[in-house]
Amino acid sequence: MVVSAHGALVQMTPRVKRGQTLLLVNGVTDEERECRVVYIESKRRIKKVGVEFTCMKGDFWHVYSPLIETVSPFETVSSEEESRPNP
């Protein structure tokens, strides 16, 4: 299973159709969220199904997601900046 703030990509065997509305349940918190099938990849009996939440409220997955830094932590300091005294 792959999760995101917008939904998930899950494996399932039941037949679903694109556009179909499903009720997704978080097995850890028992929270329920309505979602819509937006992608289906079918191979044999197992299907990968992409779903997106119909309403973006709260944090359904409760997964930590670090903020993207605007400055690279690996940015180098020029030798000119190194020689300046700190105020």
N, C-alpha and C. Protein backbone atom coordinates (compact mmCIF):
# COMPACT_ATOMS: atom_id res chain seq x y z
N MET A 1 0.85 -1.17 0.00
CA MET A 1 0.00 0.00 0.00
C MET A 1 0.89 1.24 0.00
N VAL A 2 0.53 2.19 -0.81
CA VAL A 2 1.22 3.47 -0.87
C VAL A 2 0.18 4.53 -0.49
N VAL A 3 0.53 5.39 0.47
CA VAL A 3 -0.43 6.40 0.92
C VAL A 3 0.09 7.80 0.64
N SER A 4 -0.84 8.74 0.52
CA SER A 4 -0.50 10.14 0.36
C SER A 4 -1.60 10.97 1.01
N ALA A 5 -1.38 12.25 1.06
CA ALA A 5 -2.39 13.15 1.63
C ALA A 5 -3.66 13.15 0.81
N HIS A 6 -3.57 12.73 -0.45
CA HIS A 6 -4.71 12.76 -1.37
C HIS A 6 -5.45 11.44 -1.50
N GLY A 7 -4.86 10.34 -0.99
CA GLY A 7 -5.51 9.04 -1.13
C GLY A 7 -4.53 7.91 -0.95
N ALA A 8 -4.63 6.90 -1.83
CA ALA A 8 -3.76 5.72 -1.70
C ALA A 8 -3.76 4.90 -2.98
N LEU A 9 -2.76 4.03 -3.07
CA LEU A 9 -2.71 3.00 -4.10
C LEU A 9 -2.72 1.69 -3.33
N VAL A 10 -3.78 0.91 -3.51
CA VAL A 10 -3.97 -0.32 -2.73
C VAL A 10 -4.15 -1.52 -3.65
N GLN A 11 -3.84 -2.70 -3.12
CA GLN A 11 -4.11 -3.94 -3.85
C GLN A 11 -5.42 -4.49 -3.36
N MET A 12 -6.25 -4.92 -4.28
CA MET A 12 -7.53 -5.52 -3.90
C MET A 12 -7.99 -6.52 -4.94
N THR A 13 -8.78 -7.48 -4.49
CA THR A 13 -9.32 -8.47 -5.43
C THR A 13 -10.75 -8.18 -5.85
N PRO A 14 -11.56 -7.47 -5.04
CA PRO A 14 -12.93 -7.19 -5.51
C PRO A 14 -12.93 -6.32 -6.76
N ARG A 15 -13.93 -6.51 -7.59
CA ARG A 15 -14.05 -5.72 -8.82
C ARG A 15 -14.54 -4.32 -8.49
N VAL A 16 -13.86 -3.34 -9.04
CA VAL A 16 -14.28 -1.95 -8.89
C VAL A 16 -14.19 -1.29 -10.25
N LYS A 17 -14.88 -0.16 -10.38
CA LYS A 17 -14.86 0.59 -11.64
C LYS A 17 -14.33 1.99 -11.37
N ARG A 18 -13.70 2.55 -12.39
CA ARG A 18 -13.25 3.94 -12.28
C ARG A 18 -14.44 4.84 -12.00
N GLY A 19 -14.27 5.75 -11.04
CA GLY A 19 -15.36 6.66 -10.68
C GLY A 19 -16.22 6.13 -9.53
N GLN A 20 -16.07 4.85 -9.21
CA GLN A 20 -16.84 4.25 -8.12
C GLN A 20 -16.43 4.86 -6.78
N THR A 21 -17.41 5.06 -5.90
CA THR A 21 -17.15 5.58 -4.56
C THR A 21 -16.97 4.41 -3.60
N LEU A 22 -15.91 4.50 -2.78
CA LEU A 22 -15.61 3.47 -1.78
C LEU A 22 -15.49 4.12 -0.41
N LEU A 23 -15.62 3.32 0.63
CA LEU A 23 -15.38 3.79 1.99
C LEU A 23 -14.08 3.15 2.45
N LEU A 24 -13.06 3.98 2.64
CA LEU A 24 -11.75 3.50 3.07
C LEU A 24 -11.68 3.59 4.58
N VAL A 25 -11.19 2.53 5.23
CA VAL A 25 -11.10 2.50 6.69
C VAL A 25 -9.64 2.36 7.10
N ASN A 26 -9.17 3.26 7.96
CA ASN A 26 -7.82 3.18 8.50
C ASN A 26 -7.84 2.11 9.58
N GLY A 27 -7.13 1.00 9.38
CA GLY A 27 -7.15 -0.14 10.29
C GLY A 27 -6.56 0.15 11.66
N VAL A 28 -5.76 1.19 11.78
CA VAL A 28 -5.16 1.54 13.07
C VAL A 28 -6.09 2.41 13.90
N THR A 29 -6.72 3.41 13.26
CA THR A 29 -7.54 4.38 13.99
C THR A 29 -9.04 4.14 13.84
N ASP A 30 -9.44 3.25 12.95
CA ASP A 30 -10.85 2.99 12.62
C ASP A 30 -11.55 4.20 12.00
N GLU A 31 -10.79 5.18 11.55
CA GLU A 31 -11.38 6.33 10.86
C GLU A 31 -11.87 5.87 9.49
N GLU A 32 -12.95 6.47 9.03
CA GLU A 32 -13.51 6.17 7.72
C GLU A 32 -13.44 7.41 6.85
N ARG A 33 -13.17 7.20 5.56
CA ARG A 33 -13.12 8.33 4.63
C ARG A 33 -13.64 7.88 3.28
N GLU A 34 -14.54 8.64 2.73
CA GLU A 34 -15.08 8.35 1.40
C GLU A 34 -14.02 8.70 0.36
N CYS A 35 -13.86 7.83 -0.63
CA CYS A 35 -12.90 8.07 -1.70
C CYS A 35 -13.48 7.59 -3.02
N ARG A 36 -12.82 8.00 -4.09
CA ARG A 36 -13.26 7.67 -5.45
C ARG A 36 -12.14 6.93 -6.17
N VAL A 37 -12.49 5.88 -6.91
CA VAL A 37 -11.51 5.13 -7.69
C VAL A 37 -11.10 5.97 -8.89
N VAL A 38 -9.78 6.23 -9.02
CA VAL A 38 -9.28 7.05 -10.12
C VAL A 38 -8.31 6.30 -11.02
N TYR A 39 -7.87 5.09 -10.60
CA TYR A 39 -6.89 4.34 -11.38
C TYR A 39 -7.05 2.86 -11.09
N ILE A 40 -6.97 2.05 -12.13
CA ILE A 40 -7.02 0.59 -11.95
C ILE A 40 -5.96 -0.04 -12.85
N GLU A 41 -5.10 -0.87 -12.25
CA GLU A 41 -4.12 -1.66 -13.01
C GLU A 41 -4.40 -3.11 -12.67
N SER A 42 -4.83 -3.88 -13.64
CA SER A 42 -5.25 -5.26 -13.39
C SER A 42 -4.25 -6.25 -13.94
N LYS A 43 -3.75 -7.11 -13.05
CA LYS A 43 -2.86 -8.21 -13.44
C LYS A 43 -3.33 -9.46 -12.72
N ARG A 44 -3.79 -10.41 -13.50
CA ARG A 44 -4.34 -11.66 -12.96
C ARG A 44 -5.46 -11.35 -11.99
N ARG A 45 -5.40 -11.91 -10.78
CA ARG A 45 -6.49 -11.70 -9.81
C ARG A 45 -6.28 -10.47 -8.93
N ILE A 46 -5.06 -9.98 -8.87
CA ILE A 46 -4.75 -8.83 -8.01
C ILE A 46 -4.81 -7.55 -8.84
N LYS A 47 -5.48 -6.56 -8.28
CA LYS A 47 -5.57 -5.26 -8.93
C LYS A 47 -4.93 -4.21 -8.05
N LYS A 48 -4.22 -3.27 -8.68
CA LYS A 48 -3.75 -2.08 -7.98
C LYS A 48 -4.79 -1.01 -8.27
N VAL A 49 -5.33 -0.44 -7.20
CA VAL A 49 -6.40 0.54 -7.35
C VAL A 49 -5.97 1.84 -6.69
N GLY A 50 -6.00 2.90 -7.48
CA GLY A 50 -5.71 4.24 -6.95
C GLY A 50 -7.00 4.92 -6.56
N VAL A 51 -7.04 5.42 -5.31
CA VAL A 51 -8.22 6.12 -4.83
C VAL A 51 -7.82 7.50 -4.33
N GLU A 52 -8.72 8.45 -4.51
CA GLU A 52 -8.49 9.79 -3.96
C GLU A 52 -9.64 10.15 -3.05
N PHE A 53 -9.32 10.86 -1.97
CA PHE A 53 -10.35 11.27 -1.03
C PHE A 53 -11.29 12.27 -1.69
N THR A 54 -12.58 12.14 -1.41
CA THR A 54 -13.54 13.10 -1.96
C THR A 54 -13.57 14.38 -1.15
N CYS A 55 -13.08 14.32 0.09
CA CYS A 55 -13.04 15.48 0.96
C CYS A 55 -11.68 15.50 1.66
N MET A 56 -10.95 16.58 1.53
CA MET A 56 -9.62 16.68 2.13
C MET A 56 -9.72 17.32 3.51
N LYS A 57 -10.10 16.54 4.50
CA LYS A 57 -10.17 17.08 5.86
C LYS A 57 -9.34 16.22 6.80
N GLY A 58 -8.52 16.86 7.61
CA GLY A 58 -7.73 16.14 8.59
C GLY A 58 -6.63 15.29 8.00
N ASP A 59 -5.96 14.57 8.88
CA ASP A 59 -4.84 13.71 8.51
C ASP A 59 -5.29 12.26 8.65
N PHE A 60 -5.79 11.67 7.58
CA PHE A 60 -6.36 10.33 7.63
C PHE A 60 -5.33 9.27 7.97
N TRP A 61 -4.13 9.37 7.40
CA TRP A 61 -3.13 8.32 7.57
C TRP A 61 -2.30 8.49 8.83
N HIS A 62 -2.20 9.69 9.36
CA HIS A 62 -1.39 9.97 10.55
C HIS A 62 0.06 9.50 10.35
N VAL A 63 0.62 9.91 9.22
CA VAL A 63 1.99 9.55 8.87
C VAL A 63 2.81 10.82 8.87
N TYR A 64 3.98 10.78 9.50
CA TYR A 64 4.87 11.93 9.54
C TYR A 64 5.42 12.20 8.15
N SER A 65 5.38 13.45 7.74
CA SER A 65 5.92 13.85 6.45
C SER A 65 6.77 15.10 6.66
N PRO A 66 8.10 15.00 6.54
CA PRO A 66 8.96 16.15 6.80
C PRO A 66 8.72 17.26 5.79
N LEU A 67 8.88 18.49 6.24
CA LEU A 67 8.76 19.63 5.34
C LEU A 67 9.94 19.64 4.39
N ILE A 68 9.70 20.13 3.20
CA ILE A 68 10.77 20.24 2.22
C ILE A 68 11.57 21.49 2.53
N GLU A 69 12.88 21.35 2.67
CA GLU A 69 13.72 22.50 2.97
C GLU A 69 13.91 23.34 1.73
N THR A 70 13.92 24.67 1.92
CA THR A 70 14.13 25.55 0.78
C THR A 70 15.60 25.73 0.49
N VAL A 71 16.47 25.46 1.47
CA VAL A 71 17.92 25.54 1.28
C VAL A 71 18.49 24.15 1.51
N SER A 72 19.36 23.74 0.64
CA SER A 72 19.97 22.42 0.77
C SER A 72 20.84 22.35 2.01
N PRO A 73 20.72 21.29 2.81
CA PRO A 73 21.59 21.17 3.98
C PRO A 73 23.04 20.93 3.58
N PHE A 74 23.28 20.63 2.29
CA PHE A 74 24.63 20.36 1.80
C PHE A 74 25.23 21.58 1.09
N GLU A 75 24.55 22.72 1.19
CA GLU A 75 25.04 23.93 0.54
C GLU A 75 26.39 24.30 1.13
N THR A 76 27.35 24.61 0.29
CA THR A 76 28.68 24.94 0.78
C THR A 76 28.80 26.42 1.05
N VAL A 77 29.67 26.77 1.97
CA VAL A 77 29.93 28.16 2.30
C VAL A 77 31.17 28.58 1.56
N SER A 78 31.12 29.74 0.94
CA SER A 78 32.28 30.21 0.18
C SER A 78 33.41 30.57 1.13
N SER A 79 34.64 30.57 0.64
CA SER A 79 35.79 30.88 1.48
C SER A 79 35.73 32.32 1.97
N GLU A 80 35.11 33.21 1.21
CA GLU A 80 34.96 34.61 1.61
C GLU A 80 34.07 34.70 2.85
N GLU A 81 32.96 33.93 2.86
CA GLU A 81 32.05 33.94 4.00
C GLU A 81 32.70 33.31 5.22
N GLU A 82 33.59 32.33 5.02
CA GLU A 82 34.26 31.67 6.14
C GLU A 82 35.22 32.60 6.84
N SER A 83 35.85 33.52 6.08
CA SER A 83 36.85 34.42 6.65
C SER A 83 36.24 35.61 7.37
N ARG A 84 34.93 35.88 7.16
CA ARG A 84 34.28 36.99 7.85
C ARG A 84 34.09 36.66 9.33
N PRO A 85 34.32 37.63 10.21
CA PRO A 85 34.09 37.39 11.65
C PRO A 85 32.59 37.34 11.93
N ASN A 86 32.18 36.53 12.87
CA ASN A 86 30.77 36.46 13.26
C ASN A 86 30.44 37.65 14.14
N PRO A 87 29.29 38.31 13.91
CA PRO A 87 28.91 39.47 14.75
C PRO A 87 28.54 39.07 16.15
